[in-house]
Amino acid sequence: MLGSLQKFVSCRTALAGLLAVGLSVSAFAAPSSQANGLGQSWPNARDVSASPNWHVYVFERDGVRYIQVNDLNGTVRGAFATANGTYVVLPIGVDAGHIGTPQRPLPTLRSAPSEMVYRDSAVQLQLIPQSNGDVGMRAFDSTCNDPFKCGGMQMQ
């Protein structure tokens, strides 16, 4: 009987130890989970879009903000990273080649109605759907009052 009790206690102790290790690993992984889901159709992140026509997801890691735009079907349209007024277009999404930033403005895009889909204290994001199905994106600083002067893109 004593042998059975020792095995039971040893088994419970081992399970408790494994549970404690698992929880501590989860706690250490939590800060980096803010960047999980980038590039996915349905990331495990809150949709922060100002428009019912688009999904916008924001991920942050190490002081860099990553902003991704998906359409209503979950298709990743594009993403960029920004920190301290610098923008970098990421090679993600079907419209990755149609994203204009102050550092990398798009040369031209057909004039079409645009829609502001995201704005926070540092960044604004405007989308310009094109007649061929492409979507132009203009990312610029929130302090900018005239997106054309901020370098996001020029219209034809």
N, C-alpha and C. Protein backbone atom coordinates (compact mmCIF):
# COMPACT_ATOMS: atom_id res chain seq x y z
N MET A 1 0.82 -1.19 0.00
CA MET A 1 0.00 0.00 0.00
C MET A 1 0.87 1.26 0.00
N LEU A 2 1.95 1.23 0.75
CA LEU A 2 2.84 2.38 0.81
C LEU A 2 3.45 2.65 -0.56
N GLY A 3 3.79 1.57 -1.30
CA GLY A 3 4.36 1.73 -2.64
C GLY A 3 3.37 2.40 -3.58
N SER A 4 2.10 2.04 -3.50
CA SER A 4 1.06 2.65 -4.34
C SER A 4 0.90 4.13 -4.03
N LEU A 5 0.94 4.44 -2.73
CA LEU A 5 0.80 5.83 -2.31
C LEU A 5 1.97 6.67 -2.80
N GLN A 6 3.19 6.12 -2.74
CA GLN A 6 4.37 6.85 -3.21
C GLN A 6 4.30 7.09 -4.72
N LYS A 7 3.85 6.09 -5.49
CA LYS A 7 3.71 6.26 -6.94
C LYS A 7 2.67 7.34 -7.26
N PHE A 8 1.56 7.34 -6.49
CA PHE A 8 0.50 8.32 -6.71
C PHE A 8 1.02 9.73 -6.43
N VAL A 9 1.72 9.89 -5.29
CA VAL A 9 2.25 11.20 -4.93
C VAL A 9 3.32 11.62 -5.94
N SER A 10 4.19 10.69 -6.36
CA SER A 10 5.22 11.02 -7.34
C SER A 10 4.59 11.45 -8.66
N CYS A 11 3.55 10.76 -9.06
CA CYS A 11 2.86 11.08 -10.33
C CYS A 11 2.22 12.47 -10.22
N ARG A 12 1.55 12.76 -9.09
CA ARG A 12 0.93 14.08 -8.90
C ARG A 12 1.98 15.18 -8.87
N THR A 13 3.10 14.91 -8.21
CA THR A 13 4.17 15.89 -8.14
C THR A 13 4.74 16.16 -9.52
N ALA A 14 4.93 15.11 -10.30
CA ALA A 14 5.45 15.28 -11.65
C ALA A 14 4.49 16.08 -12.52
N LEU A 15 3.19 15.77 -12.42
CA LEU A 15 2.19 16.51 -13.20
C LEU A 15 2.14 17.98 -12.77
N ALA A 16 2.21 18.24 -11.47
CA ALA A 16 2.21 19.62 -10.99
C ALA A 16 3.44 20.36 -11.50
N GLY A 17 4.58 19.69 -11.52
CA GLY A 17 5.81 20.30 -12.04
C GLY A 17 5.69 20.63 -13.51
N LEU A 18 5.15 19.69 -14.28
CA LEU A 18 4.96 19.94 -15.72
C LEU A 18 4.00 21.10 -15.96
N LEU A 19 2.93 21.16 -15.17
CA LEU A 19 1.98 22.25 -15.31
C LEU A 19 2.65 23.59 -14.99
N ALA A 20 3.46 23.62 -13.93
CA ALA A 20 4.15 24.86 -13.56
C ALA A 20 5.12 25.29 -14.66
N VAL A 21 5.85 24.33 -15.25
CA VAL A 21 6.76 24.66 -16.34
C VAL A 21 5.99 25.19 -17.54
N GLY A 22 4.87 24.55 -17.86
CA GLY A 22 4.05 24.99 -18.99
C GLY A 22 3.53 26.39 -18.80
N LEU A 23 3.07 26.71 -17.60
CA LEU A 23 2.57 28.06 -17.34
C LEU A 23 3.68 29.08 -17.38
N SER A 24 4.86 28.74 -16.89
CA SER A 24 5.96 29.71 -16.92
C SER A 24 6.42 29.96 -18.34
N VAL A 25 6.42 28.93 -19.18
CA VAL A 25 6.78 29.12 -20.59
C VAL A 25 5.75 30.01 -21.26
N SER A 26 4.46 29.81 -20.96
CA SER A 26 3.42 30.66 -21.53
C SER A 26 3.59 32.10 -21.09
N ALA A 27 3.96 32.30 -19.84
CA ALA A 27 4.14 33.66 -19.34
C ALA A 27 5.31 34.35 -20.05
N PHE A 28 6.38 33.61 -20.28
CA PHE A 28 7.52 34.20 -21.00
C PHE A 28 7.18 34.45 -22.46
N ALA A 29 6.31 33.65 -23.06
CA ALA A 29 5.97 33.80 -24.47
C ALA A 29 4.96 34.92 -24.70
N ALA A 30 4.26 35.35 -23.67
CA ALA A 30 3.18 36.32 -23.84
C ALA A 30 3.61 37.61 -24.52
N PRO A 31 4.73 38.27 -24.13
CA PRO A 31 5.06 39.53 -24.79
C PRO A 31 5.28 39.39 -26.29
N SER A 32 5.88 38.29 -26.75
CA SER A 32 6.13 38.15 -28.18
C SER A 32 4.88 37.76 -28.94
N SER A 33 3.84 37.31 -28.24
CA SER A 33 2.62 36.90 -28.94
C SER A 33 1.91 38.08 -29.57
N GLN A 34 2.28 39.31 -29.19
CA GLN A 34 1.68 40.49 -29.80
C GLN A 34 1.97 40.53 -31.30
N ALA A 35 3.02 39.87 -31.75
CA ALA A 35 3.38 39.90 -33.16
C ALA A 35 2.92 38.65 -33.89
N ASN A 36 2.23 37.75 -33.22
CA ASN A 36 1.78 36.52 -33.86
C ASN A 36 0.58 36.79 -34.77
N GLY A 37 0.57 36.13 -35.91
CA GLY A 37 -0.55 36.23 -36.82
C GLY A 37 -0.31 37.13 -38.01
N LEU A 38 0.79 37.85 -38.03
CA LEU A 38 1.08 38.71 -39.16
C LEU A 38 1.15 37.88 -40.44
N GLY A 39 0.43 38.31 -41.47
CA GLY A 39 0.41 37.59 -42.74
C GLY A 39 -0.71 36.57 -42.85
N GLN A 40 -1.45 36.35 -41.79
CA GLN A 40 -2.53 35.37 -41.81
C GLN A 40 -3.85 36.00 -42.24
N SER A 41 -4.71 35.16 -42.82
CA SER A 41 -6.03 35.64 -43.24
C SER A 41 -6.89 36.06 -42.06
N TRP A 42 -6.85 35.30 -41.00
CA TRP A 42 -7.66 35.59 -39.83
C TRP A 42 -6.75 35.53 -38.59
N PRO A 43 -5.90 36.54 -38.41
CA PRO A 43 -4.97 36.50 -37.27
C PRO A 43 -5.73 36.60 -35.94
N ASN A 44 -5.10 36.11 -34.91
CA ASN A 44 -5.68 36.19 -33.57
C ASN A 44 -5.37 37.58 -33.00
N ALA A 45 -5.98 38.58 -33.60
CA ALA A 45 -5.77 39.97 -33.21
C ALA A 45 -7.09 40.71 -33.39
N ARG A 46 -7.22 41.81 -32.69
CA ARG A 46 -8.44 42.61 -32.78
C ARG A 46 -8.46 43.39 -34.10
N ASP A 47 -9.60 43.40 -34.74
CA ASP A 47 -9.80 44.19 -35.96
C ASP A 47 -10.01 45.64 -35.54
N VAL A 48 -9.10 46.53 -35.96
CA VAL A 48 -9.16 47.94 -35.56
C VAL A 48 -9.56 48.84 -36.72
N SER A 49 -10.13 48.27 -37.76
CA SER A 49 -10.51 49.05 -38.93
C SER A 49 -11.59 50.07 -38.60
N ALA A 50 -11.44 51.25 -39.18
CA ALA A 50 -12.46 52.29 -39.06
C ALA A 50 -13.53 52.11 -40.13
N SER A 51 -13.40 51.08 -40.96
CA SER A 51 -14.32 50.84 -42.06
C SER A 51 -14.94 49.45 -41.96
N PRO A 52 -16.22 49.34 -42.28
CA PRO A 52 -16.83 48.01 -42.30
C PRO A 52 -16.43 47.21 -43.55
N ASN A 53 -15.71 47.84 -44.49
CA ASN A 53 -15.33 47.19 -45.74
C ASN A 53 -13.98 46.50 -45.70
N TRP A 54 -13.22 46.68 -44.61
CA TRP A 54 -11.86 46.16 -44.52
C TRP A 54 -11.57 45.69 -43.11
N HIS A 55 -10.59 44.81 -43.00
CA HIS A 55 -10.07 44.40 -41.69
C HIS A 55 -8.66 44.97 -41.57
N VAL A 56 -8.37 45.61 -40.45
CA VAL A 56 -7.04 46.14 -40.17
C VAL A 56 -6.57 45.55 -38.85
N TYR A 57 -5.37 44.99 -38.87
CA TYR A 57 -4.80 44.37 -37.68
C TYR A 57 -3.47 45.05 -37.38
N VAL A 58 -3.23 45.33 -36.11
CA VAL A 58 -1.99 45.97 -35.69
C VAL A 58 -1.26 45.03 -34.74
N PHE A 59 0.02 44.84 -35.03
CA PHE A 59 0.88 44.02 -34.19
C PHE A 59 2.05 44.89 -33.76
N GLU A 60 2.52 44.70 -32.54
CA GLU A 60 3.67 45.47 -32.07
C GLU A 60 4.70 44.54 -31.47
N ARG A 61 5.96 44.84 -31.77
CA ARG A 61 7.06 44.08 -31.19
C ARG A 61 8.31 44.94 -31.23
N ASP A 62 8.99 45.01 -30.10
CA ASP A 62 10.26 45.73 -29.99
C ASP A 62 10.18 47.16 -30.52
N GLY A 63 9.08 47.84 -30.25
CA GLY A 63 8.93 49.23 -30.64
C GLY A 63 8.54 49.45 -32.09
N VAL A 64 8.29 48.38 -32.83
CA VAL A 64 7.88 48.48 -34.22
C VAL A 64 6.42 48.08 -34.32
N ARG A 65 5.65 48.89 -35.04
CA ARG A 65 4.23 48.61 -35.27
C ARG A 65 4.07 48.05 -36.67
N TYR A 66 3.40 46.91 -36.77
CA TYR A 66 3.12 46.26 -38.05
C TYR A 66 1.63 46.38 -38.30
N ILE A 67 1.25 46.94 -39.45
CA ILE A 67 -0.16 47.13 -39.77
C ILE A 67 -0.48 46.34 -41.03
N GLN A 68 -1.50 45.50 -40.92
CA GLN A 68 -1.90 44.61 -42.02
C GLN A 68 -3.34 44.89 -42.40
N VAL A 69 -3.63 44.87 -43.69
CA VAL A 69 -4.97 45.08 -44.21
C VAL A 69 -5.43 43.80 -44.91
N ASN A 70 -6.61 43.33 -44.54
CA ASN A 70 -7.25 42.19 -45.21
C ASN A 70 -8.59 42.67 -45.76
N ASP A 71 -9.04 42.02 -46.84
CA ASP A 71 -10.37 42.33 -47.32
C ASP A 71 -11.39 41.52 -46.52
N LEU A 72 -12.66 41.65 -46.84
CA LEU A 72 -13.71 40.97 -46.07
C LEU A 72 -13.68 39.46 -46.22
N ASN A 73 -13.01 38.96 -47.26
CA ASN A 73 -12.88 37.51 -47.44
C ASN A 73 -11.67 36.94 -46.73
N GLY A 74 -10.89 37.80 -46.07
CA GLY A 74 -9.69 37.34 -45.37
C GLY A 74 -8.43 37.38 -46.21
N THR A 75 -8.54 37.82 -47.45
CA THR A 75 -7.35 37.92 -48.30
C THR A 75 -6.45 39.02 -47.77
N VAL A 76 -5.19 38.68 -47.54
CA VAL A 76 -4.24 39.69 -47.08
C VAL A 76 -3.92 40.59 -48.27
N ARG A 77 -4.22 41.88 -48.12
CA ARG A 77 -3.99 42.83 -49.21
C ARG A 77 -2.61 43.47 -49.12
N GLY A 78 -2.11 43.72 -47.90
CA GLY A 78 -0.79 44.32 -47.74
C GLY A 78 -0.49 44.61 -46.29
N ALA A 79 0.78 44.91 -46.03
CA ALA A 79 1.22 45.23 -44.67
C ALA A 79 2.47 46.10 -44.72
N PHE A 80 2.66 46.86 -43.68
CA PHE A 80 3.87 47.68 -43.56
C PHE A 80 4.25 47.76 -42.09
N ALA A 81 5.49 48.13 -41.87
CA ALA A 81 6.00 48.33 -40.52
C ALA A 81 6.34 49.79 -40.36
N THR A 82 6.20 50.31 -39.14
CA THR A 82 6.53 51.70 -38.90
C THR A 82 7.06 51.89 -37.48
N ALA A 83 8.03 52.77 -37.38
CA ALA A 83 8.60 53.16 -36.09
C ALA A 83 9.27 54.52 -36.25
N ASN A 84 8.98 55.43 -35.35
CA ASN A 84 9.62 56.75 -35.33
C ASN A 84 9.56 57.47 -36.68
N GLY A 85 8.41 57.40 -37.36
CA GLY A 85 8.24 58.12 -38.61
C GLY A 85 8.84 57.44 -39.83
N THR A 86 9.42 56.27 -39.66
CA THR A 86 9.97 55.51 -40.79
C THR A 86 9.00 54.38 -41.12
N TYR A 87 8.79 54.16 -42.41
CA TYR A 87 7.87 53.13 -42.88
C TYR A 87 8.62 52.16 -43.78
N VAL A 88 8.28 50.88 -43.66
CA VAL A 88 8.84 49.85 -44.53
C VAL A 88 7.69 48.98 -45.01
N VAL A 89 7.54 48.86 -46.33
CA VAL A 89 6.51 48.00 -46.90
C VAL A 89 6.99 46.56 -46.80
N LEU A 90 6.12 45.69 -46.30
CA LEU A 90 6.46 44.28 -46.16
C LEU A 90 6.03 43.50 -47.40
N PRO A 91 6.75 42.46 -47.76
CA PRO A 91 6.38 41.65 -48.93
C PRO A 91 5.27 40.66 -48.58
N ILE A 92 4.14 41.22 -48.13
CA ILE A 92 3.01 40.40 -47.71
C ILE A 92 1.76 40.93 -48.41
N GLY A 93 0.99 40.05 -49.00
CA GLY A 93 -0.30 40.43 -49.54
C GLY A 93 -0.30 40.67 -51.04
N VAL A 94 -1.50 40.56 -51.61
CA VAL A 94 -1.65 40.67 -53.06
C VAL A 94 -1.42 42.09 -53.58
N ASP A 95 -1.51 43.09 -52.70
CA ASP A 95 -1.29 44.48 -53.12
C ASP A 95 -0.02 45.07 -52.51
N ALA A 96 0.94 44.22 -52.15
CA ALA A 96 2.18 44.70 -51.53
C ALA A 96 2.90 45.71 -52.42
N GLY A 97 2.75 45.60 -53.71
CA GLY A 97 3.40 46.53 -54.63
C GLY A 97 2.66 47.84 -54.81
N HIS A 98 1.52 48.00 -54.13
CA HIS A 98 0.69 49.20 -54.28
C HIS A 98 0.58 49.99 -52.99
N ILE A 99 1.62 49.93 -52.15
CA ILE A 99 1.60 50.65 -50.88
C ILE A 99 2.57 51.82 -50.97
N GLY A 100 2.06 53.01 -50.74
CA GLY A 100 2.90 54.20 -50.74
C GLY A 100 3.16 54.67 -49.33
N THR A 101 4.39 55.10 -49.07
CA THR A 101 4.77 55.64 -47.76
C THR A 101 5.55 56.93 -47.99
N PRO A 102 5.79 57.70 -46.95
CA PRO A 102 6.61 58.91 -47.14
C PRO A 102 8.01 58.59 -47.68
N GLN A 103 8.58 57.45 -47.29
CA GLN A 103 9.91 57.08 -47.78
C GLN A 103 9.86 56.43 -49.16
N ARG A 104 8.73 55.88 -49.53
CA ARG A 104 8.59 55.15 -50.80
C ARG A 104 7.23 55.46 -51.43
N PRO A 105 7.06 56.69 -51.94
CA PRO A 105 5.76 57.03 -52.54
C PRO A 105 5.54 56.26 -53.84
N LEU A 106 4.30 55.97 -54.10
CA LEU A 106 3.94 55.37 -55.38
C LEU A 106 3.93 56.46 -56.43
N PRO A 107 4.42 56.19 -57.64
CA PRO A 107 4.48 57.24 -58.66
C PRO A 107 3.11 57.73 -59.09
N THR A 108 2.21 56.83 -59.44
CA THR A 108 0.88 57.25 -59.88
C THR A 108 -0.14 56.17 -59.55
N LEU A 109 -1.37 56.60 -59.47
CA LEU A 109 -2.50 55.70 -59.23
C LEU A 109 -3.72 56.39 -59.77
N ARG A 110 -4.60 55.65 -60.38
CA ARG A 110 -5.82 56.26 -60.91
C ARG A 110 -6.62 56.88 -59.77
N SER A 111 -7.17 58.02 -60.06
CA SER A 111 -7.99 58.71 -59.07
C SER A 111 -9.25 57.90 -58.82
N ALA A 112 -9.54 57.68 -57.59
CA ALA A 112 -10.74 56.93 -57.20
C ALA A 112 -11.10 57.36 -55.79
N PRO A 113 -12.33 57.13 -55.38
CA PRO A 113 -12.69 57.47 -54.00
C PRO A 113 -11.80 56.70 -53.03
N SER A 114 -11.31 57.39 -52.02
CA SER A 114 -10.47 56.74 -51.03
C SER A 114 -11.23 56.61 -49.72
N GLU A 115 -10.70 55.77 -48.87
CA GLU A 115 -11.34 55.53 -47.58
C GLU A 115 -10.27 55.45 -46.50
N MET A 116 -10.43 56.24 -45.45
CA MET A 116 -9.53 56.18 -44.31
C MET A 116 -9.94 54.95 -43.49
N VAL A 117 -9.04 53.98 -43.37
CA VAL A 117 -9.39 52.75 -42.68
C VAL A 117 -8.72 52.61 -41.31
N TYR A 118 -7.69 53.42 -41.06
CA TYR A 118 -7.01 53.32 -39.77
C TYR A 118 -6.31 54.64 -39.45
N ARG A 119 -6.37 54.98 -38.17
CA ARG A 119 -5.65 56.16 -37.69
C ARG A 119 -5.38 55.98 -36.20
N ASP A 120 -4.15 56.24 -35.81
CA ASP A 120 -3.80 56.29 -34.40
C ASP A 120 -2.96 57.54 -34.16
N SER A 121 -2.30 57.64 -33.05
CA SER A 121 -1.56 58.86 -32.73
C SER A 121 -0.34 59.07 -33.62
N ALA A 122 0.09 58.04 -34.36
CA ALA A 122 1.28 58.17 -35.19
C ALA A 122 1.05 57.92 -36.67
N VAL A 123 0.05 57.12 -37.02
CA VAL A 123 -0.10 56.62 -38.39
C VAL A 123 -1.53 56.79 -38.91
N GLN A 124 -1.63 57.09 -40.20
CA GLN A 124 -2.91 57.07 -40.91
C GLN A 124 -2.77 56.09 -42.08
N LEU A 125 -3.85 55.43 -42.43
CA LEU A 125 -3.84 54.52 -43.57
C LEU A 125 -5.11 54.73 -44.38
N GLN A 126 -4.89 55.06 -45.65
CA GLN A 126 -5.98 55.33 -46.58
C GLN A 126 -5.91 54.29 -47.70
N LEU A 127 -7.07 53.75 -48.09
CA LEU A 127 -7.14 52.78 -49.19
C LEU A 127 -7.85 53.39 -50.37
N ILE A 128 -7.35 53.05 -51.57
CA ILE A 128 -7.92 53.53 -52.82
C ILE A 128 -8.18 52.33 -53.73
N PRO A 129 -9.39 51.75 -53.69
CA PRO A 129 -9.70 50.62 -54.58
C PRO A 129 -9.64 51.06 -56.04
N GLN A 130 -9.08 50.21 -56.89
CA GLN A 130 -8.94 50.50 -58.31
C GLN A 130 -9.95 49.68 -59.12
N SER A 131 -10.26 50.13 -60.30
CA SER A 131 -11.26 49.45 -61.14
C SER A 131 -10.81 48.05 -61.55
N ASN A 132 -9.51 47.78 -61.55
CA ASN A 132 -9.02 46.45 -61.94
C ASN A 132 -8.96 45.46 -60.77
N GLY A 133 -9.43 45.87 -59.59
CA GLY A 133 -9.43 44.99 -58.43
C GLY A 133 -8.26 45.20 -57.48
N ASP A 134 -7.22 45.91 -57.93
CA ASP A 134 -6.10 46.23 -57.05
C ASP A 134 -6.56 47.25 -56.01
N VAL A 135 -5.81 47.32 -54.93
CA VAL A 135 -6.09 48.31 -53.90
C VAL A 135 -4.80 49.07 -53.62
N GLY A 136 -4.85 50.38 -53.85
CA GLY A 136 -3.72 51.23 -53.49
C GLY A 136 -3.84 51.60 -52.02
N MET A 137 -2.71 51.66 -51.36
CA MET A 137 -2.70 52.03 -49.94
C MET A 137 -1.74 53.19 -49.75
N ARG A 138 -2.16 54.14 -48.95
CA ARG A 138 -1.35 55.30 -48.65
C ARG A 138 -1.17 55.35 -47.13
N ALA A 139 0.07 55.15 -46.67
CA ALA A 139 0.39 55.21 -45.25
C ALA A 139 1.20 56.48 -45.00
N PHE A 140 0.83 57.23 -43.96
CA PHE A 140 1.54 58.47 -43.66
C PHE A 140 1.33 58.84 -42.21
N ASP A 141 2.10 59.82 -41.75
CA ASP A 141 2.04 60.25 -40.35
C ASP A 141 0.69 60.88 -40.02
N SER A 142 0.25 60.68 -38.79
CA SER A 142 -1.02 61.26 -38.34
C SER A 142 -0.98 62.78 -38.27
N THR A 143 0.21 63.34 -38.19
CA THR A 143 0.34 64.80 -38.13
C THR A 143 0.12 65.46 -39.48
N CYS A 144 0.09 64.67 -40.53
CA CYS A 144 -0.08 65.19 -41.89
C CYS A 144 -1.54 65.54 -42.15
N ASN A 145 -1.78 66.73 -42.66
CA ASN A 145 -3.14 67.15 -43.01
C ASN A 145 -3.43 67.03 -44.50
N ASP A 146 -2.40 66.85 -45.31
CA ASP A 146 -2.56 66.72 -46.76
C ASP A 146 -1.78 65.49 -47.23
N PRO A 147 -2.45 64.34 -47.38
CA PRO A 147 -1.76 63.10 -47.74
C PRO A 147 -0.92 63.19 -49.02
N PHE A 148 -1.33 64.04 -49.97
CA PHE A 148 -0.57 64.15 -51.21
C PHE A 148 0.80 64.77 -50.95
N LYS A 149 0.87 65.71 -50.03
CA LYS A 149 2.13 66.34 -49.70
C LYS A 149 3.01 65.47 -48.79
N CYS A 150 2.42 64.46 -48.19
CA CYS A 150 3.16 63.61 -47.25
C CYS A 150 3.85 62.44 -47.96
N GLY A 151 3.68 62.32 -49.25
CA GLY A 151 4.44 61.34 -50.00
C GLY A 151 3.82 59.97 -50.16
N GLY A 152 2.57 59.78 -49.75
CA GLY A 152 1.97 58.45 -49.89
C GLY A 152 1.79 58.03 -51.33
N MET A 153 1.35 58.93 -52.21
CA MET A 153 1.24 58.65 -53.63
C MET A 153 0.73 59.87 -54.36
N GLN A 154 0.91 59.84 -55.64
CA GLN A 154 0.38 60.90 -56.50
C GLN A 154 -0.77 60.31 -57.30
N MET A 155 -1.78 61.09 -57.54
CA MET A 155 -2.93 60.62 -58.33
C MET A 155 -2.79 61.09 -59.77
N GLN A 156 -3.34 60.31 -60.68
CA GLN A 156 -3.35 60.68 -62.11
C GLN A 156 -4.52 61.59 -62.38
